Amino acid sequence: MRSSKRGLVWLLAVLVAVGLVAGACGSSSSDSSSSTTKATSNYDYKSLSGTLNGSGATFPKNFYEDAIASFKSDASGVTVNYNAVGSGQGKKDLAAGTSDWAGSDSLVKDDEKANFKGPFLYFPTVAAPITVSYNLSGVKELKLSPETLAKIFMGTIATWNDAAIAADNPGVTLPNTAVTVAVRSDGSGTTSNFSKYLATAAPSIFTVTAGDSVAWPKAQAGKGNTGVAQIVKDTAGAIGYVDLSDAKATNLTTALIKNKDGKYVAPTLEGTTAALAGATIKDDLTYNPLNAAGAETYPITAPTYVIVYTTPSANVAAIKGWLTYLLTDGQDLAKDVDFAPLPTPLRDRALAQITQIQG
């Protein structure tokens, strides 16, 4: 399966299927098109075999689980596993060689790269909003500016009828209920993106260091997005950051967040797609849609990636097949589990990058 002839056949099939001959692997640029055209692959999935173990972010868990189940129907000889243990642990597992691929919503830090067993590649897969979910009886619609949100998570707002929250919600009766902040206990890409949003949108207020783990001044911690969602659901006056899929599954109420253009926007896939439209794509295919401009943009939009070694130790053909599936037929599954598919230019560049995987 690793012969040069098979590699050439696979490459030509992908290039013809998605029309990449025009040079989709260009240098850094702003992929302004937000449209997504359907991509299908002529990849010979039935010839693949092996087991691919992945671990990492809880944020895309529902998407990967759906994609794994669907992929199995095309690639019956491949078993793909995914252990949703948080982005931080997923990156550690890949570095240690205990997994074949990592799911991560955050990037590898420069000082962590020496821990890896060689060069690696980022493959963007889907994106989604990080909701600000809350549990407040009698308040069906809540608006929050980034400054007010930062004050809440910095612990300087103690009750829900605080003047800052009232200013964002004129005419709304806010109760004198204590605020309980819910955060992640594990190293998390969701935490990284949420905290980096606060650091970008309210830098004078959010003064702690953003990242996979944050020294929150005062909070209750839960494991994974589901753990934060459960705290919010079970605690009157709670507020936390949760991916859209888990927020909907837990039946949480979500706040409207004031975006860069001054509009209060709900966490929707349309708002996510708007945030992706103007994102600048780097040469390594990473991008930052946080606090993006645009009236329709949801400002806390997070990307997610599959990270694999450029030269995997095993299962090279299966890894290529899995990535191809995620970036073609798998994209059609995204909206069903509350994720936005990639814009066509970014997806095509990610497909072309698969040829860099060698073994």
Protein backbone atom coordinates (compact mmCIF):
# COMPACT_ATOMS: atom_id res chain seq x y z
CA MET A 1 0.00 0.00 0.00
CA ARG A 2 2.94 2.28 0.40
CA SER A 3 4.34 1.82 -3.11
CA SER A 4 4.94 4.87 -5.25
CA LYS A 5 2.41 3.62 -7.81
CA ARG A 6 -0.42 3.44 -5.26
CA GLY A 7 0.56 6.87 -3.92
CA LEU A 8 0.38 8.36 -7.42
CA VAL A 9 -3.03 6.82 -8.09
CA TRP A 10 -4.36 8.17 -4.81
CA LEU A 11 -2.97 11.65 -5.44
CA LEU A 12 -4.50 11.87 -8.91
CA ALA A 13 -7.87 10.71 -7.59
CA VAL A 14 -7.96 13.40 -4.92
CA LEU A 15 -6.78 16.13 -7.27
CA VAL A 16 -9.40 15.26 -9.87
CA ALA A 17 -12.16 14.94 -7.27
CA VAL A 18 -11.71 18.32 -5.68
CA GLY A 19 -10.09 20.33 -8.46
CA LEU A 20 -6.83 21.15 -6.77
CA VAL A 21 -4.69 21.27 -9.91
CA ALA A 22 -4.91 25.06 -9.88
CA GLY A 23 -2.52 25.22 -6.95
CA ALA A 24 -4.46 25.12 -3.71
CA CYS A 25 -1.24 24.90 -1.70
CA GLY A 26 -0.36 28.56 -1.95
CA SER A 27 1.33 30.64 0.72
CA SER A 28 -0.41 32.40 3.59
CA SER A 29 -3.53 34.21 2.47
CA SER A 30 -6.95 35.33 3.58
CA ASP A 31 -9.46 32.83 2.25
CA SER A 32 -12.39 35.23 2.00
CA SER A 33 -14.85 32.78 0.46
CA SER A 34 -17.13 31.23 3.08
CA SER A 35 -18.95 28.97 0.62
CA THR A 36 -18.51 25.23 0.85
CA THR A 37 -18.89 23.02 -2.19
CA LYS A 38 -19.39 19.29 -1.87
CA ALA A 39 -16.24 17.21 -2.15
CA THR A 40 -16.26 13.48 -2.72
CA SER A 41 -13.27 11.21 -2.95
CA ASN A 42 -12.45 8.29 -5.22
CA TYR A 43 -10.16 6.92 -2.53
CA ASP A 44 -10.04 3.14 -2.36
CA TYR A 45 -11.16 2.87 1.27
CA LYS A 46 -11.95 -0.84 0.98
CA SER A 47 -8.26 -1.66 0.50
CA LEU A 48 -7.32 -0.14 3.85
CA SER A 49 -6.71 -2.01 7.08
CA GLY A 50 -5.40 -1.34 10.56
CA THR A 51 -6.30 0.40 13.81
CA LEU A 52 -5.97 4.14 14.34
CA ASN A 53 -6.00 5.33 17.93
CA GLY A 54 -6.73 8.99 18.50
CA SER A 55 -7.17 11.10 21.61
CA GLY A 56 -7.73 14.72 22.48
CA ALA A 57 -10.31 17.47 22.44
CA THR A 58 -13.81 16.96 23.79
CA PHE A 59 -14.98 19.92 21.69
CA PRO A 60 -15.22 17.93 18.38
CA LYS A 61 -16.07 14.60 20.05
CA ASN A 62 -19.57 14.32 18.57
CA PHE A 63 -18.33 15.08 15.07
CA TYR A 64 -15.50 12.55 15.23
CA GLU A 65 -17.78 9.86 16.65
CA ASP A 66 -20.24 10.35 13.78
CA ALA A 67 -17.43 10.42 11.22
CA ILE A 68 -15.87 7.25 12.67
CA ALA A 69 -19.16 5.37 12.40
CA SER A 70 -19.73 6.55 8.84
CA PHE A 71 -16.13 5.88 7.79
CA LYS A 72 -16.45 2.28 8.98
CA SER A 73 -19.11 1.62 6.35
CA ASP A 74 -16.63 2.59 3.61
CA ALA A 75 -13.42 1.32 5.22
CA SER A 76 -14.53 -1.86 6.96
CA GLY A 77 -10.93 -2.97 7.47
CA VAL A 78 -10.02 0.09 9.55
CA THR A 79 -10.90 0.60 13.19
CA VAL A 80 -10.70 4.21 14.34
CA ASN A 81 -10.83 4.95 18.08
CA TYR A 82 -11.09 8.34 19.74
CA ASN A 83 -10.62 9.03 23.45
CA ALA A 84 -11.92 12.51 24.30
CA VAL A 85 -9.56 13.46 27.13
CA GLY A 86 -8.91 17.12 26.29
CA SER A 87 -6.62 18.83 23.79
CA GLY A 88 -3.71 19.01 26.22
CA GLN A 89 -3.66 15.26 26.85
CA GLY A 90 -4.22 14.52 23.18
CA LYS A 91 -1.09 16.43 22.23
CA LYS A 92 0.86 14.65 24.98
CA ASP A 93 -0.33 11.26 23.73
CA LEU A 94 0.79 12.00 20.18
CA ALA A 95 4.14 13.28 21.43
CA ALA A 96 4.61 10.11 23.47
CA GLY A 97 3.70 7.91 20.51
CA THR A 98 0.76 6.29 22.28
CA SER A 99 -1.72 7.54 19.67
CA ASP A 100 -1.74 7.81 15.88
CA TRP A 101 -3.55 11.14 15.77
CA ALA A 102 -4.46 13.93 18.14
CA GLY A 103 -7.61 16.00 18.16
CA SER A 104 -6.85 19.51 19.35
CA ASP A 105 -8.51 22.91 19.38
CA SER A 106 -5.22 24.56 20.35
CA LEU A 107 -1.75 24.58 18.83
CA VAL A 108 1.45 23.00 20.08
CA LYS A 109 3.56 25.57 21.94
CA ASP A 110 7.10 26.19 20.73
CA ASP A 111 8.57 24.85 23.97
CA GLU A 112 6.55 21.64 23.58
CA LYS A 113 7.72 20.78 20.06
CA ALA A 114 10.91 19.12 21.32
CA ASN A 115 8.73 16.50 23.01
CA PHE A 116 7.45 15.23 19.66
CA LYS A 117 9.06 12.40 17.74
CA GLY A 118 9.39 14.41 14.57
CA PRO A 119 7.66 17.06 12.46
CA PHE A 120 3.87 17.06 12.43
CA LEU A 121 1.02 18.54 10.40
CA TYR A 122 -2.19 20.35 11.34
CA PHE A 123 -5.34 19.35 9.48
CA PRO A 124 -8.33 21.64 10.16
CA THR A 125 -11.53 19.61 10.19
CA VAL A 126 -14.56 21.64 11.35
CA ALA A 127 -15.34 24.72 13.47
CA ALA A 128 -18.03 25.64 15.97
CA PRO A 129 -19.10 28.34 18.40
CA ILE A 130 -18.13 28.19 22.05
CA THR A 131 -21.33 29.08 23.83
CA VAL A 132 -21.62 31.05 27.03
CA SER A 133 -24.28 28.94 28.72
CA TYR A 134 -26.10 30.02 31.86
CA ASN A 135 -28.71 28.91 34.38
CA LEU A 136 -30.81 31.86 35.50
CA SER A 137 -34.48 31.40 36.26
CA GLY A 138 -36.74 33.94 34.55
CA VAL A 139 -34.07 35.26 32.17
CA LYS A 140 -34.67 33.77 28.73
CA GLU A 141 -32.42 36.15 26.83
CA LEU A 142 -29.13 37.45 28.18
CA LYS A 143 -26.75 39.79 26.40
CA LEU A 144 -23.12 40.06 27.42
CA SER A 145 -20.40 42.39 26.19
CA PRO A 146 -16.83 41.07 26.23
CA GLU A 147 -15.97 43.45 29.08
CA THR A 148 -18.83 42.16 31.24
CA LEU A 149 -18.01 38.56 30.36
CA ALA A 150 -14.39 39.12 31.36
CA LYS A 151 -15.46 40.59 34.70
CA ILE A 152 -17.63 37.55 35.37
CA PHE A 153 -14.81 35.10 34.68
CA MET A 154 -12.31 37.22 36.59
CA GLY A 155 -14.59 36.91 39.61
CA THR A 156 -15.25 40.64 40.03
CA ILE A 157 -19.00 40.25 39.46
CA ALA A 158 -20.60 38.41 42.37
CA THR A 159 -24.34 38.60 41.64
CA TRP A 160 -26.47 38.57 38.52
CA ASN A 161 -28.02 41.99 39.16
CA ASP A 162 -24.59 43.63 38.96
CA ALA A 163 -24.59 47.04 37.26
CA ALA A 164 -22.41 45.82 34.38
CA ILE A 165 -24.80 42.99 33.48
CA ALA A 166 -27.78 45.34 33.87
CA ALA A 167 -26.17 47.82 31.47
CA ASP A 168 -25.94 45.11 28.80
CA ASN A 169 -29.59 44.13 29.40
CA PRO A 170 -31.76 47.24 29.78
CA GLY A 171 -35.34 46.44 30.78
CA VAL A 172 -34.50 42.92 31.96
CA THR A 173 -35.21 42.03 35.58
CA LEU A 174 -32.07 40.37 36.92
CA PRO A 175 -32.19 38.40 40.18
CA ASN A 176 -29.91 38.89 43.15
CA THR A 177 -28.52 35.39 42.59
CA ALA A 178 -24.89 34.53 43.22
CA VAL A 179 -22.78 33.92 40.11
CA THR A 180 -21.09 30.51 39.88
CA VAL A 181 -18.41 30.32 37.21
CA ALA A 182 -17.94 26.87 35.63
CA VAL A 183 -14.64 26.04 33.89
CA ARG A 184 -12.64 23.05 32.67
CA SER A 185 -10.52 21.01 35.05
CA ASP A 186 -8.46 19.43 32.25
CA GLY A 187 -6.06 20.98 29.74
CA SER A 188 -8.44 22.13 27.06
CA GLY A 189 -8.51 23.72 23.63
CA THR A 190 -11.96 25.07 24.49
CA THR A 191 -10.40 26.83 27.47
CA SER A 192 -7.57 28.06 25.27
CA ASN A 193 -9.89 29.59 22.69
CA PHE A 194 -12.30 31.04 25.24
CA SER A 195 -9.55 32.61 27.34
CA LYS A 196 -7.75 33.94 24.27
CA TYR A 197 -11.01 35.54 23.16
CA LEU A 198 -11.31 37.34 26.51
CA ALA A 199 -7.66 38.38 26.35
CA THR A 200 -8.21 39.80 22.86
CA ALA A 201 -11.63 41.40 23.32
CA ALA A 202 -11.20 42.71 26.90
CA PRO A 203 -7.45 42.90 27.52
CA SER A 204 -7.61 45.50 30.27
CA ILE A 205 -9.97 43.33 32.34
CA PHE A 206 -8.89 39.77 31.61
CA THR A 207 -5.40 39.89 33.08
CA VAL A 208 -4.62 36.22 33.73
CA THR A 209 -2.64 34.18 31.21
CA ALA A 210 -4.73 32.53 28.50
CA GLY A 211 -4.06 28.97 27.41
CA ASP A 212 -5.12 25.33 27.70
CA SER A 213 -5.15 25.75 31.48
CA VAL A 214 -6.02 29.04 33.20
CA ALA A 215 -5.63 30.18 36.79
CA TRP A 216 -9.26 31.27 37.11
CA PRO A 217 -9.63 33.46 40.22
CA LYS A 218 -12.83 31.78 41.43
CA ALA A 219 -14.59 28.88 39.71
CA GLN A 220 -15.96 25.35 39.87
CA ALA A 221 -14.24 22.93 37.52
CA GLY A 222 -15.66 20.04 35.52
CA LYS A 223 -13.94 17.53 33.25
CA GLY A 224 -14.57 18.02 29.56
CA ASN A 225 -17.25 20.11 27.91
CA THR A 226 -19.83 17.72 29.34
CA GLY A 227 -18.53 18.34 32.85
CA VAL A 228 -18.90 22.11 32.50
CA ALA A 229 -22.34 21.66 30.95
CA GLN A 230 -23.45 19.55 33.89
CA ILE A 231 -22.32 22.15 36.43
CA VAL A 232 -24.30 24.82 34.59
CA LYS A 233 -27.37 22.62 34.35
CA ASP A 234 -27.32 21.63 38.02
CA THR A 235 -26.41 24.99 39.59
CA ALA A 236 -28.74 27.98 39.82
CA GLY A 237 -26.81 31.08 38.84
CA ALA A 238 -24.08 29.16 36.99
CA ILE A 239 -22.35 30.30 33.82
CA GLY A 240 -19.78 28.42 31.76
CA TYR A 241 -18.22 27.98 28.33
CA VAL A 242 -19.47 24.92 26.42
CA ASP A 243 -19.37 23.83 22.78
CA LEU A 244 -22.67 24.20 20.93
CA SER A 245 -23.20 20.46 20.49
CA ASP A 246 -22.97 19.71 24.22
CA ALA A 247 -24.92 22.84 25.16
CA LYS A 248 -27.81 21.70 22.97
CA ALA A 249 -27.58 18.10 24.19
CA THR A 250 -27.79 19.32 27.79
CA ASN A 251 -30.61 21.75 26.91
CA LEU A 252 -28.70 24.77 28.18
CA THR A 253 -29.67 28.41 27.62
CA THR A 254 -27.00 30.39 25.77
CA ALA A 255 -26.16 34.09 25.89
CA LEU A 256 -25.86 36.54 23.01
CA ILE A 257 -22.32 37.92 22.84
CA LYS A 258 -21.45 41.41 21.59
CA ASN A 259 -19.17 41.07 18.59
CA LYS A 260 -16.49 43.38 17.22
CA ASP A 261 -19.08 45.29 15.19
CA GLY A 262 -21.17 45.96 18.30
CA LYS A 263 -23.94 43.45 17.49
CA TYR A 264 -25.20 40.90 20.00
CA VAL A 265 -25.05 37.55 18.23
CA ALA A 266 -26.27 34.09 19.22
CA PRO A 267 -23.96 31.06 18.91
CA THR A 268 -25.01 29.60 15.55
CA LEU A 269 -23.35 27.81 12.67
CA GLU A 270 -24.17 30.80 10.47
CA GLY A 271 -22.24 33.04 12.85
CA THR A 272 -19.40 30.53 12.84
CA THR A 273 -19.25 30.45 9.05
CA ALA A 274 -19.17 34.25 9.00
CA ALA A 275 -16.19 34.19 11.38
CA LEU A 276 -14.34 31.72 9.16
CA ALA A 277 -14.89 33.79 6.03
CA GLY A 278 -12.31 36.44 6.82
CA ALA A 279 -9.77 34.33 8.71
CA THR A 280 -6.19 34.43 7.50
CA ILE A 281 -4.88 30.95 6.83
CA LYS A 282 -1.23 30.40 7.71
CA ASP A 283 1.13 28.17 5.76
CA ASP A 284 0.65 25.38 8.30
CA LEU A 285 -3.16 25.65 7.80
CA THR A 286 -3.83 27.06 11.26
CA TYR A 287 -6.06 30.11 11.59
CA ASN A 288 -7.64 32.32 14.23
CA PRO A 289 -11.35 33.24 13.87
CA LEU A 290 -11.67 34.70 17.39
CA ASN A 291 -13.21 38.19 17.66
CA ALA A 292 -13.46 38.44 13.88
CA ALA A 293 -15.05 41.50 12.30
CA GLY A 294 -18.48 41.38 10.67
CA ALA A 295 -22.02 42.17 11.76
CA GLU A 296 -23.13 38.52 11.56
CA THR A 297 -20.01 37.04 13.13
CA TYR A 298 -20.18 35.08 16.35
CA PRO A 299 -17.04 36.24 18.15
CA ILE A 300 -16.15 33.09 20.13
CA THR A 301 -15.68 30.77 17.18
CA ALA A 302 -13.16 27.96 17.58
CA PRO A 303 -11.30 25.86 15.03
CA THR A 304 -10.29 22.27 15.65
CA TYR A 305 -7.52 20.17 14.12
CA VAL A 306 -6.29 16.65 13.64
CA ILE A 307 -2.54 16.53 14.26
CA VAL A 308 -0.47 13.72 12.75
CA TYR A 309 3.22 13.10 12.20
CA THR A 310 4.60 13.84 8.75
CA THR A 311 6.20 10.39 8.90
CA PRO A 312 3.95 8.17 11.04
CA SER A 313 5.48 5.05 12.56
CA ALA A 314 2.65 2.85 11.21
CA ASN A 315 -0.73 2.80 9.46
CA VAL A 316 0.27 5.42 6.90
CA ALA A 317 -2.31 4.43 4.27
CA ALA A 318 -5.08 4.25 6.88
CA ILE A 319 -4.17 7.69 8.25
CA LYS A 320 -4.31 9.16 4.76
CA GLY A 321 -7.66 7.51 4.14
CA TRP A 322 -9.11 8.76 7.44
CA LEU A 323 -8.00 12.33 6.77
CA THR A 324 -9.35 12.17 3.22
CA TYR A 325 -12.71 11.02 4.54
CA LEU A 326 -12.88 13.76 7.18
CA LEU A 327 -12.20 16.40 4.53
CA THR A 328 -14.60 15.05 1.89
CA ASP A 329 -17.65 12.97 2.80
CA GLY A 330 -17.14 13.70 6.48
CA GLN A 331 -17.81 17.40 5.90
CA ASP A 332 -21.41 16.55 5.05
CA LEU A 333 -21.88 15.18 8.57
CA ALA A 334 -20.78 18.35 10.35
CA LYS A 335 -24.01 20.33 10.50
CA ASP A 336 -25.96 17.32 11.79
CA VAL A 337 -23.95 17.49 15.02
CA ASP A 338 -23.73 21.31 15.24
CA PHE A 339 -20.41 21.97 13.55
CA ALA A 340 -19.64 24.15 10.55
CA PRO A 341 -17.80 22.56 7.60
CA LEU A 342 -14.63 24.17 6.34
CA PRO A 343 -14.75 26.83 3.62
CA THR A 344 -13.86 25.26 0.29
CA PRO A 345 -10.44 26.94 -0.15
CA LEU A 346 -9.25 25.78 3.28
CA ARG A 347 -10.62 22.27 2.81
CA ASP A 348 -8.88 21.95 -0.55
CA ARG A 349 -5.55 23.06 0.90
CA ALA A 350 -5.92 20.53 3.71
CA LEU A 351 -6.65 17.76 1.18
CA ALA A 352 -3.56 18.68 -0.81
CA GLN A 353 -1.43 18.60 2.35
CA ILE A 354 -2.18 14.89 2.83
CA THR A 355 0.44 14.15 0.17
CA GLN A 356 3.10 15.38 2.61
CA ILE A 357 2.50 12.36 4.85
CA GLN A 358 5.18 9.81 4.05
CA GLY A 359 5.96 6.33 5.20
